[in-house]
C-alpha atoms as a PDB file:
ATOM      1  CA  MET A   1       0.000   0.000   0.000  1.00  0.00           C
ATOM      2  CA  LEU A   2       2.748   2.470   0.902  1.00  0.00           C
ATOM      3  CA  VAL A   3       4.720   1.688  -2.261  1.00  0.00           C
ATOM      4  CA  THR A   4       1.755   2.880  -4.323  1.00  0.00           C
ATOM      5  CA  VAL A   5       1.707   6.177  -2.454  1.00  0.00           C
ATOM      6  CA  PHE A   6       5.350   6.808  -3.271  1.00  0.00           C
ATOM      7  CA  ALA A   7       5.301   5.496  -6.851  1.00  0.00           C
ATOM      8  CA  LYS A   8       4.662   9.006  -8.179  1.00  0.00           C
ATOM      9  CA  ASP A   9       7.926  10.127  -6.550  1.00  0.00           C
ATOM     10  CA  LEU A  10       9.947   7.462  -8.341  1.00  0.00           C
ATOM     11  CA  LYS A  11      11.066   7.960 -11.969  1.00  0.00           C
ATOM     12  CA  THR A  12      11.079   4.238 -12.680  1.00  0.00           C
ATOM     13  CA  GLN A  13      11.031   1.310 -10.343  1.00  0.00           C
ATOM     14  CA  ASP A  14      14.252   0.002 -11.919  1.00  0.00           C
ATOM     15  CA  GLN A  15      16.179   3.075 -10.744  1.00  0.00           C
ATOM     16  CA  TYR A  16      15.692   2.154  -7.108  1.00  0.00           C
ATOM     17  CA  ASP A  17      16.398  -1.093  -5.397  1.00  0.00           C
ATOM     18  CA  LYS A  18      14.166  -2.414  -2.643  1.00  0.00           C
ATOM     19  CA  LYS A  19      16.474  -1.053   0.041  1.00  0.00           C
ATOM     20  CA  GLU A  20      16.080   2.522  -1.213  1.00  0.00           C
ATOM     21  CA  VAL A  21      12.300   2.175  -1.495  1.00  0.00           C
ATOM     22  CA  LYS A  22      12.138   0.847   2.076  1.00  0.00           C
ATOM     23  CA  LYS A  23      14.335   3.731   3.239  1.00  0.00           C
ATOM     24  CA  LYS A  24      11.998   6.255   1.576  1.00  0.00           C
ATOM     25  CA  MET A  25       8.948   4.536   3.081  1.00  0.00           C
ATOM     26  CA  ALA A  26      10.529   4.541   6.532  1.00  0.00           C
ATOM     27  CA  LYS A  27      11.274   8.234   6.170  1.00  0.00           C
ATOM     28  CA  GLU A  28       7.638   8.964   5.300  1.00  0.00           C
ATOM     29  CA  THR A  29       6.058   6.694   7.936  1.00  0.00           C
ATOM     30  CA  ILE A  30       4.710   8.693  10.860  1.00  0.00           C
ATOM     31  CA  ARG A  31       6.368   7.452  14.037  1.00  0.00           C
ATOM     32  CA  ILE A  32       4.151   7.734  17.073  1.00  0.00           C
ATOM     33  CA  GLY A  33       4.990   7.464  20.739  1.00  0.00           C
ATOM     34  CA  ALA A  34       2.267   6.333  23.132  1.00  0.00           C
ATOM     35  CA  VAL A  35       1.795   7.161  26.804  1.00  0.00           C
ATOM     36  CA  VAL A  36      -0.655   4.721  28.373  1.00  0.00           C
ATOM     37  CA  SER A  37      -2.147   4.950  31.854  1.00  0.00           C
ATOM     38  CA  ASP A  38      -2.144   1.785  33.964  1.00  0.00           C
ATOM     39  CA  PHE A  39      -5.039   3.125  36.049  1.00  0.00           C
ATOM     40  CA  ASN A  40      -8.276   1.487  34.824  1.00  0.00           C
ATOM     41  CA  TYR A  41      -6.033  -0.963  32.963  1.00  0.00           C
ATOM     42  CA  ASP A  42      -8.867  -3.057  31.531  1.00  0.00           C
ATOM     43  CA  ILE A  43     -10.231  -0.020  29.708  1.00  0.00           C
ATOM     44  CA  THR A  44      -6.939   1.607  28.715  1.00  0.00           C
ATOM     45  CA  MET A  45      -5.619  -1.622  27.201  1.00  0.00           C
ATOM     46  CA  MET A  46      -8.718  -1.918  24.995  1.00  0.00           C
ATOM     47  CA  MET A  47      -8.206   1.713  23.970  1.00  0.00           C
ATOM     48  CA  PHE A  48      -4.544   1.057  23.196  1.00  0.00           C
ATOM     49  CA  GLU A  49      -5.339  -2.020  21.089  1.00  0.00           C
ATOM     50  CA  ARG A  50      -7.733   0.064  18.987  1.00  0.00           C
ATOM     51  CA  ALA A  51      -5.043   2.740  18.655  1.00  0.00           C
ATOM     52  CA  LYS A  52      -2.431   0.243  17.435  1.00  0.00           C
ATOM     53  CA  GLU A  53      -4.814  -1.241  14.881  1.00  0.00           C
ATOM     54  CA  HIS A  54      -5.757   2.193  13.565  1.00  0.00           C
ATOM     55  CA  ALA A  55      -2.130   3.337  13.354  1.00  0.00           C
ATOM     56  CA  GLU A  56      -1.337   0.320  11.199  1.00  0.00           C
ATOM     57  CA  PHE A  57      -4.406   1.001   9.047  1.00  0.00           C
ATOM     58  CA  LEU A  58      -3.240   4.596   8.490  1.00  0.00           C
ATOM     59  CA  GLY A  59       0.303   3.523   7.636  1.00  0.00           C
ATOM     60  CA  ALA A  60       1.724   4.969  10.868  1.00  0.00           C
ATOM     61  CA  GLU A  61       3.715   3.075  13.444  1.00  0.00           C
ATOM     62  CA  ILE A  62       3.633   3.198  17.225  1.00  0.00           C
ATOM     63  CA  THR A  63       7.342   2.882  17.860  1.00  0.00           C
ATOM     64  CA  LYS A  64       7.650   3.577  21.586  1.00  0.00           C
ATOM     65  CA  VAL A  65       5.224   2.902  24.440  1.00  0.00           C
ATOM     66  CA  VAL A  66       5.572   4.300  27.948  1.00  0.00           C
ATOM     67  CA  LYS A  67       3.218   3.085  30.651  1.00  0.00           C
ATOM     68  CA  VAL A  68       2.547   5.469  33.527  1.00  0.00           C
ATOM     69  CA  PRO A  69       0.603   4.966  36.770  1.00  0.00           C
ATOM     70  CA  GLY A  70      -2.204   7.391  35.890  1.00  0.00           C
ATOM     71  CA  VAL A  71      -3.312  10.248  33.661  1.00  0.00           C
ATOM     72  CA  PHE A  72      -1.841  12.860  36.007  1.00  0.00           C
ATOM     73  CA  ASP A  73       1.577  11.211  35.579  1.00  0.00           C
ATOM     74  CA  MET A  74       1.665  11.501  31.778  1.00  0.00           C
ATOM     75  CA  ALA A  75       3.344  14.889  31.293  1.00  0.00           C
ATOM     76  CA  LEU A  76       6.945  13.849  31.922  1.00  0.00           C
ATOM     77  CA  ALA A  77       6.674  10.758  29.702  1.00  0.00           C
ATOM     78  CA  ILE A  78       5.089  12.848  26.929  1.00  0.00           C
ATOM     79  CA  LYS A  79       7.884  15.405  27.230  1.00  0.00           C
ATOM     80  CA  LYS A  80      10.572  12.711  26.983  1.00  0.00           C
ATOM     81  CA  LEU A  81       8.949  11.209  23.888  1.00  0.00           C
ATOM     82  CA  LEU A  82       8.437  14.563  22.170  1.00  0.00           C
ATOM     83  CA  ALA A  83      12.121  15.385  22.712  1.00  0.00           C
ATOM     84  CA  ARG A  84      13.155  12.343  20.650  1.00  0.00           C
ATOM     85  CA  LYS A  85      14.055  12.934  17.015  1.00  0.00           C
ATOM     86  CA  ASP A  86      12.610   9.551  16.046  1.00  0.00           C
ATOM     87  CA  ILE A  87       9.100  10.453  17.266  1.00  0.00           C
ATOM     88  CA  ASP A  88       6.777  12.574  15.095  1.00  0.00           C
ATOM     89  CA  GLY A  89       3.888  12.794  17.561  1.00  0.00           C
ATOM     90  CA  VAL A  90       2.480  11.261  20.719  1.00  0.00           C
ATOM     91  CA  ILE A  91      -0.843   9.750  21.688  1.00  0.00           C
ATOM     92  CA  THR A  92      -2.163   9.624  25.221  1.00  0.00           C
ATOM     93  CA  ILE A  93      -4.385   6.794  26.412  1.00  0.00           C
ATOM     94  CA  GLY A  94      -6.289   7.021  29.683  1.00  0.00           C
ATOM     95  CA  ALA A  95      -9.679   6.768  31.330  1.00  0.00           C
ATOM     96  CA  VAL A  96     -10.640   9.120  34.154  1.00  0.00           C
ATOM     97  CA  ILE A  97     -13.683   7.645  35.888  1.00  0.00           C
ATOM     98  CA  GLU A  98     -15.853   9.620  38.279  1.00  0.00           C
ATOM     99  CA  GLY A  99     -15.323   8.999  41.965  1.00  0.00           C
ATOM    100  CA  GLU A 100     -16.986  10.315  45.088  1.00  0.00           C
ATOM    101  CA  THR A 101     -15.084  13.622  44.924  1.00  0.00           C
ATOM    102  CA  GLU A 102     -14.283  16.049  42.116  1.00  0.00           C
ATOM    103  CA  HIS A 103     -10.788  14.595  41.813  1.00  0.00           C
ATOM    104  CA  ASP A 104     -11.521  13.371  38.276  1.00  0.00           C
ATOM    105  CA  ASP A 105     -12.216  16.934  37.080  1.00  0.00           C
ATOM    106  CA  LEU A 106      -8.943  18.171  38.546  1.00  0.00           C
ATOM    107  CA  VAL A 107      -6.910  15.340  37.007  1.00  0.00           C
ATOM    108  CA  ILE A 108      -8.270  15.746  33.492  1.00  0.00           C
ATOM    109  CA  GLN A 109      -8.103  19.564  33.496  1.00  0.00           C
ATOM    110  CA  HIS A 110      -4.468  19.678  34.520  1.00  0.00           C
ATOM    111  CA  ALA A 111      -3.463  16.803  32.252  1.00  0.00           C
ATOM    112  CA  ALA A 112      -5.198  18.280  29.206  1.00  0.00           C
ATOM    113  CA  ARG A 113      -3.617  21.686  29.793  1.00  0.00           C
ATOM    114  CA  LYS A 114      -0.116  20.266  30.184  1.00  0.00           C
ATOM    115  CA  ILE A 115      -0.556  18.056  27.112  1.00  0.00           C
ATOM    116  CA  ALA A 116      -1.508  21.089  25.001  1.00  0.00           C
ATOM    117  CA  ASP A 117       1.442  23.065  26.411  1.00  0.00           C
ATOM    118  CA  LEU A 118       3.879  20.268  25.507  1.00  0.00           C
ATOM    119  CA  ALA A 119       2.572  20.031  21.938  1.00  0.00           C
ATOM    120  CA  LEU A 120       3.227  23.755  21.529  1.00  0.00           C
ATOM    121  CA  GLU A 121       6.628  23.587  23.210  1.00  0.00           C
ATOM    122  CA  PHE A 122       7.902  20.805  20.919  1.00  0.00           C
ATOM    123  CA  ASN A 123       5.935  21.684  17.758  1.00  0.00           C
ATOM    124  CA  LYS A 124       4.656  18.139  17.474  1.00  0.00           C
ATOM    125  CA  PRO A 125       1.078  16.862  17.639  1.00  0.00           C
ATOM    126  CA  VAL A 126      -0.205  15.150  20.771  1.00  0.00           C
ATOM    127  CA  GLY A 127      -3.471  13.235  20.481  1.00  0.00           C
ATOM    128  CA  LEU A 128      -5.767  13.351  23.483  1.00  0.00           C
ATOM    129  CA  GLY A 129      -7.007   9.802  23.913  1.00  0.00           C
ATOM    130  CA  ILE A 130      -8.222  10.317  27.447  1.00  0.00           C
ATOM    131  CA  SER A 131     -11.874   9.781  28.212  1.00  0.00           C
ATOM    132  CA  GLY A 132     -13.605  11.479  31.111  1.00  0.00           C
ATOM    133  CA  PRO A 133     -14.219  13.173  33.482  1.00  0.00           C
ATOM    134  CA  GLY A 134     -17.587  12.522  35.013  1.00  0.00           C
ATOM    135  CA  MET A 135     -18.134   9.133  33.442  1.00  0.00           C
ATOM    136  CA  THR A 136     -18.975   5.768  34.883  1.00  0.00           C
ATOM    137  CA  ARG A 137     -17.028   2.589  34.159  1.00  0.00           C
ATOM    138  CA  LEU A 138     -19.747   1.552  31.697  1.00  0.00           C
ATOM    139  CA  GLN A 139     -19.474   4.888  29.874  1.00  0.00           C
ATOM    140  CA  ALA A 140     -15.696   4.485  29.783  1.00  0.00           C
ATOM    141  CA  GLU A 141     -16.104   1.097  28.114  1.00  0.00           C
ATOM    142  CA  ASP A 142     -18.354   2.720  25.513  1.00  0.00           C
ATOM    143  CA  ARG A 143     -15.634   5.293  24.768  1.00  0.00           C
ATOM    144  CA  ILE A 144     -12.712   2.992  23.997  1.00  0.00           C
ATOM    145  CA  GLU A 145     -12.604   4.439  20.472  1.00  0.00           C
ATOM    146  CA  ARG A 146     -10.891   7.528  21.905  1.00  0.00           C
ATOM    147  CA  GLY A 147      -7.564   5.753  21.401  1.00  0.00           C
ATOM    148  CA  LYS A 148      -8.308   5.408  17.708  1.00  0.00           C
ATOM    149  CA  ALA A 149      -9.318   9.074  17.494  1.00  0.00           C
ATOM    150  CA  ALA A 150      -6.031  10.139  19.142  1.00  0.00           C
ATOM    151  CA  VAL A 151      -4.010   8.312  16.479  1.00  0.00           C
ATOM    152  CA  GLU A 152      -6.067   9.834  13.693  1.00  0.00           C
ATOM    153  CA  ALA A 153      -5.590  13.331  15.125  1.00  0.00           C
ATOM    154  CA  VAL A 154      -1.804  12.915  15.337  1.00  0.00           C
ATOM    155  CA  VAL A 155      -1.505  11.506  11.816  1.00  0.00           C
ATOM    156  CA  LYS A 156      -3.696  14.192  10.241  1.00  0.00           C
ATOM    157  CA  LEU A 157      -2.084  17.056  12.110  1.00  0.00           C
ATOM    158  CA  HIS A 158       1.440  15.812  11.374  1.00  0.00           C
ATOM    159  CA  GLN A 159       0.644  15.557   7.659  1.00  0.00           C
ATOM    160  CA  ARG A 160      -0.938  18.987   7.549  1.00  0.00           C
ATOM    161  CA  LEU A 161       1.879  20.647   9.484  1.00  0.00           C
ATOM    162  CA  GLN A 162       4.401  19.267   6.984  1.00  0.00           C
ATOM    163  CA  LYS A 163       2.692  21.331   4.268  1.00  0.00           C
ATOM    164  CA  ILE A 164       3.060  24.651   6.097  1.00  0.00           C
END
């Protein structure tokens, strides 16, 4: 599939050996880092599986995965991934489920703000694949597609930023 995309860039297929074509494809493949919360593991792992499948479908690759204890703990891992030259963007995967206090609101607000700040600081897209706040476990299970949406956002934004 990727060879077809790049065929227009090649004068003739005979001019390039397979190694050069693979090198060009690797250069064009969007390399994504993933930061995945262990908290609510059953839900976040389903979200991450959807994200991996969608990345492959889009021709992107999740090349580095960092697991963190919870959504609040994501910022440092995101920063480390964004600083790498071999990462084009980062997805975040987490589920913030409502508790008896307003702790879930606080966690998601601060995490979302820091995630946006890091994207601006490093000039790389960060996909928000965190569901919540104010949702029940059942609602979180219904929102596992957020991981897929985070990958799509990173891929689209990365492609569009390359044209600017």
